[in-house]
């Protein structure tokens, strides 16, 4: 395996909760109204220091999407998913953007997000954008 180069971020950013590798700037948040099986998730216009898994079609709350799970390059933990293709016209704005699950990342202030016992366990997607 080759040498790992990690992109460092300046300013307020989200990082992997396991290894603290920087993943995305706060200013790149498109929406905070996404949900996943662990609770809240944020849609970002740009993420760094991730690798993408295999593309697959997933039926989410807002319709069928082609997505790829994204993994932290520092430790290999899954941190969210990337929208490769939206099959519905109204969902096209998601293409090329990534979702980070709040449960799997540290916030800009170093805080972790804890799962509540009332968290919905179902399809992942935005309720309202």
C-alpha atoms as a PDB file:
ATOM      1  CA  UNK A   1       0.000   0.000   0.000  1.00  0.00           C
ATOM      2  CA  UNK A   2       1.240   3.495  -0.798  1.00  0.00           C
ATOM      3  CA  UNK A   3       1.935   6.387   1.503  1.00  0.00           C
ATOM      4  CA  UNK A   4      -1.115   8.024   3.062  1.00  0.00           C
ATOM      5  CA  UNK A   5      -1.485  11.770   2.529  1.00  0.00           C
ATOM      6  CA  UNK A   6      -4.001  13.473   4.783  1.00  0.00           C
ATOM      7  CA  UNK A   7      -5.473  16.848   3.871  1.00  0.00           C
ATOM      8  CA  UNK A   8      -5.334  19.195   6.858  1.00  0.00           C
ATOM      9  CA  UNK A   9      -8.207  21.637   7.321  1.00  0.00           C
ATOM     10  CA  UNK A  10      -8.096  25.083   8.892  1.00  0.00           C
ATOM     11  CA  UNK A  11     -11.007  26.641  10.702  1.00  0.00           C
ATOM     12  CA  UNK A  12     -14.004  24.816  12.150  1.00  0.00           C
ATOM     13  CA  UNK A  13     -14.185  21.224  10.918  1.00  0.00           C
ATOM     14  CA  UNK A  14     -15.698  17.818  11.593  1.00  0.00           C
ATOM     15  CA  UNK A  15     -13.355  14.873  12.168  1.00  0.00           C
ATOM     16  CA  UNK A  16     -13.486  11.093  12.545  1.00  0.00           C
ATOM     17  CA  UNK A  17     -14.468  10.255  16.120  1.00  0.00           C
ATOM     18  CA  UNK A  18     -12.061   7.298  16.196  1.00  0.00           C
ATOM     19  CA  UNK A  19      -8.818   8.786  14.878  1.00  0.00           C
ATOM     20  CA  UNK A  20      -9.571  12.538  14.661  1.00  0.00           C
ATOM     21  CA  UNK A  21      -8.726  12.734  10.923  1.00  0.00           C
ATOM     22  CA  UNK A  22     -10.272  15.957   9.499  1.00  0.00           C
ATOM     23  CA  UNK A  23     -13.240  15.252   7.189  1.00  0.00           C
ATOM     24  CA  UNK A  24     -15.152  18.438   6.349  1.00  0.00           C
ATOM     25  CA  UNK A  25     -15.364  22.152   7.056  1.00  0.00           C
ATOM     26  CA  UNK A  26     -18.396  23.542   8.876  1.00  0.00           C
ATOM     27  CA  UNK A  27     -18.824  26.092   6.083  1.00  0.00           C
ATOM     28  CA  UNK A  28     -19.387  23.249   3.593  1.00  0.00           C
ATOM     29  CA  UNK A  29     -22.600  22.072   5.297  1.00  0.00           C
ATOM     30  CA  UNK A  30     -25.522  22.149   2.859  1.00  0.00           C
ATOM     31  CA  UNK A  31     -28.147  20.761   5.259  1.00  0.00           C
ATOM     32  CA  UNK A  32     -28.403  19.573   8.872  1.00  0.00           C
ATOM     33  CA  UNK A  33     -31.830  17.996   8.390  1.00  0.00           C
ATOM     34  CA  UNK A  34     -30.710  14.545   7.251  1.00  0.00           C
ATOM     35  CA  UNK A  35     -31.244  11.384   9.270  1.00  0.00           C
ATOM     36  CA  UNK A  36     -29.629   7.961   9.411  1.00  0.00           C
ATOM     37  CA  UNK A  37     -30.100   4.864  11.528  1.00  0.00           C
ATOM     38  CA  UNK A  38     -27.993   6.411  14.326  1.00  0.00           C
ATOM     39  CA  UNK A  39     -29.788   9.772  14.378  1.00  0.00           C
ATOM     40  CA  UNK A  40     -28.698  13.038  12.792  1.00  0.00           C
ATOM     41  CA  UNK A  41     -26.604  13.350   9.657  1.00  0.00           C
ATOM     42  CA  UNK A  42     -25.324  16.392   7.750  1.00  0.00           C
ATOM     43  CA  UNK A  43     -25.089  16.898   3.987  1.00  0.00           C
ATOM     44  CA  UNK A  44     -21.753  18.443   2.886  1.00  0.00           C
ATOM     45  CA  UNK A  45     -20.792  19.903  -0.471  1.00  0.00           C
ATOM     46  CA  UNK A  46     -17.194  18.712   0.029  1.00  0.00           C
ATOM     47  CA  UNK A  47     -15.447  16.140   2.223  1.00  0.00           C
ATOM     48  CA  UNK A  48     -11.778  15.136   2.364  1.00  0.00           C
ATOM     49  CA  UNK A  49      -9.742  12.218   3.670  1.00  0.00           C
ATOM     50  CA  UNK A  50     -12.334   9.605   2.716  1.00  0.00           C
ATOM     51  CA  UNK A  51     -12.371   6.680   0.324  1.00  0.00           C
ATOM     52  CA  UNK A  52     -15.518   5.427  -1.387  1.00  0.00           C
ATOM     53  CA  UNK A  53     -16.862   1.899  -1.393  1.00  0.00           C
ATOM     54  CA  UNK A  54     -18.870   0.179  -4.112  1.00  0.00           C
ATOM     55  CA  UNK A  55     -21.788   2.051  -5.662  1.00  0.00           C
ATOM     56  CA  UNK A  56     -25.201   0.578  -4.908  1.00  0.00           C
ATOM     57  CA  UNK A  57     -28.839   1.534  -5.320  1.00  0.00           C
ATOM     58  CA  UNK A  58     -30.615   2.280  -2.028  1.00  0.00           C
ATOM     59  CA  UNK A  59     -34.253   3.101  -1.496  1.00  0.00           C
ATOM     60  CA  UNK A  60     -34.306   5.982   0.968  1.00  0.00           C
ATOM     61  CA  UNK A  61     -37.077   8.119   2.400  1.00  0.00           C
ATOM     62  CA  UNK A  62     -36.863  10.499  -0.577  1.00  0.00           C
ATOM     63  CA  UNK A  63     -36.651   7.834  -3.274  1.00  0.00           C
ATOM     64  CA  UNK A  64     -34.097   5.675  -5.062  1.00  0.00           C
ATOM     65  CA  UNK A  65     -30.474   6.857  -5.028  1.00  0.00           C
ATOM     66  CA  UNK A  66     -27.168   5.397  -6.196  1.00  0.00           C
ATOM     67  CA  UNK A  67     -24.765   5.864  -3.288  1.00  0.00           C
ATOM     68  CA  UNK A  68     -21.359   4.716  -2.088  1.00  0.00           C
ATOM     69  CA  UNK A  69     -20.393   4.370   1.560  1.00  0.00           C
ATOM     70  CA  UNK A  70     -17.445   6.571   2.524  1.00  0.00           C
ATOM     71  CA  UNK A  71     -14.661   5.521   4.870  1.00  0.00           C
ATOM     72  CA  UNK A  72     -12.113   7.514   6.878  1.00  0.00           C
ATOM     73  CA  UNK A  73      -8.650   7.128   5.301  1.00  0.00           C
ATOM     74  CA  UNK A  74      -7.050   7.336   8.739  1.00  0.00           C
ATOM     75  CA  UNK A  75      -8.697   4.335  10.367  1.00  0.00           C
ATOM     76  CA  UNK A  76     -11.093   2.799   7.815  1.00  0.00           C
ATOM     77  CA  UNK A  77     -14.265   3.503   9.807  1.00  0.00           C
ATOM     78  CA  UNK A  78     -17.423   4.118   7.800  1.00  0.00           C
ATOM     79  CA  UNK A  79     -18.416   7.759   8.334  1.00  0.00           C
ATOM     80  CA  UNK A  80     -21.310   8.210   5.898  1.00  0.00           C
ATOM     81  CA  UNK A  81     -22.173   7.963   2.214  1.00  0.00           C
ATOM     82  CA  UNK A  82     -21.837   9.871  -1.057  1.00  0.00           C
ATOM     83  CA  UNK A  83     -24.691  10.463  -3.476  1.00  0.00           C
ATOM     84  CA  UNK A  84     -23.580   9.362  -6.924  1.00  0.00           C
ATOM     85  CA  UNK A  85     -26.962   9.575  -8.690  1.00  0.00           C
ATOM     86  CA  UNK A  86     -30.464  10.649  -7.727  1.00  0.00           C
ATOM     87  CA  UNK A  87     -33.179   8.905  -9.734  1.00  0.00           C
ATOM     88  CA  UNK A  88     -35.799  11.564  -8.992  1.00  0.00           C
ATOM     89  CA  UNK A  89     -35.613  15.051 -10.497  1.00  0.00           C
ATOM     90  CA  UNK A  90     -36.235  16.903  -7.217  1.00  0.00           C
ATOM     91  CA  UNK A  91     -33.335  15.056  -5.565  1.00  0.00           C
ATOM     92  CA  UNK A  92     -30.661  15.903  -8.176  1.00  0.00           C
ATOM     93  CA  UNK A  93     -29.145  18.581  -5.892  1.00  0.00           C
ATOM     94  CA  UNK A  94     -27.657  15.745  -3.779  1.00  0.00           C
ATOM     95  CA  UNK A  95     -25.498  14.342  -6.578  1.00  0.00           C
ATOM     96  CA  UNK A  96     -21.786  14.589  -5.821  1.00  0.00           C
ATOM     97  CA  UNK A  97     -22.436  15.576  -2.204  1.00  0.00           C
ATOM     98  CA  UNK A  98     -21.674  13.524   0.889  1.00  0.00           C
ATOM     99  CA  UNK A  99     -23.457  12.804   4.145  1.00  0.00           C
ATOM    100  CA  UNK A 100     -21.536  12.453   7.404  1.00  0.00           C
ATOM    101  CA  UNK A 101     -23.344  10.676  10.232  1.00  0.00           C
ATOM    102  CA  UNK A 102     -23.108  12.801  13.398  1.00  0.00           C
ATOM    103  CA  UNK A 103     -22.745   9.662  15.524  1.00  0.00           C
ATOM    104  CA  UNK A 104     -19.517   8.833  13.676  1.00  0.00           C
ATOM    105  CA  UNK A 105     -17.795  12.226  13.712  1.00  0.00           C
ATOM    106  CA  UNK A 106     -16.634  14.839  16.230  1.00  0.00           C
ATOM    107  CA  UNK A 107     -17.980  18.342  15.892  1.00  0.00           C
ATOM    108  CA  UNK A 108     -15.852  21.474  15.423  1.00  0.00           C
ATOM    109  CA  UNK A 109     -15.683  21.914  19.198  1.00  0.00           C
ATOM    110  CA  UNK A 110     -14.588  18.285  19.680  1.00  0.00           C
ATOM    111  CA  UNK A 111     -18.034  17.188  20.828  1.00  0.00           C
ATOM    112  CA  UNK A 112     -19.497  13.781  20.081  1.00  0.00           C
ATOM    113  CA  UNK A 113     -23.124  13.124  19.190  1.00  0.00           C
ATOM    114  CA  UNK A 114     -24.824  10.477  21.316  1.00  0.00           C
ATOM    115  CA  UNK A 115     -27.639   8.287  20.039  1.00  0.00           C
ATOM    116  CA  UNK A 116     -30.917   8.686  21.881  1.00  0.00           C
ATOM    117  CA  UNK A 117     -32.995   5.621  22.604  1.00  0.00           C
ATOM    118  CA  UNK A 118     -35.889   7.063  20.592  1.00  0.00           C
ATOM    119  CA  UNK A 119     -33.859   7.250  17.384  1.00  0.00           C
ATOM    120  CA  UNK A 120     -35.685   6.085  14.263  1.00  0.00           C
ATOM    121  CA  UNK A 121     -34.063   3.049  12.689  1.00  0.00           C
ATOM    122  CA  UNK A 122     -35.059   3.056   9.061  1.00  0.00           C
ATOM    123  CA  UNK A 123     -34.091   4.405   5.676  1.00  0.00           C
ATOM    124  CA  UNK A 124     -31.479   7.143   5.582  1.00  0.00           C
ATOM    125  CA  UNK A 125     -32.207  10.476   4.027  1.00  0.00           C
ATOM    126  CA  UNK A 126     -33.425  14.020   4.555  1.00  0.00           C
ATOM    127  CA  UNK A 127     -36.852  14.785   5.951  1.00  0.00           C
ATOM    128  CA  UNK A 128     -36.888  18.303   4.636  1.00  0.00           C
ATOM    129  CA  UNK A 129     -34.157  20.331   2.991  1.00  0.00           C
END
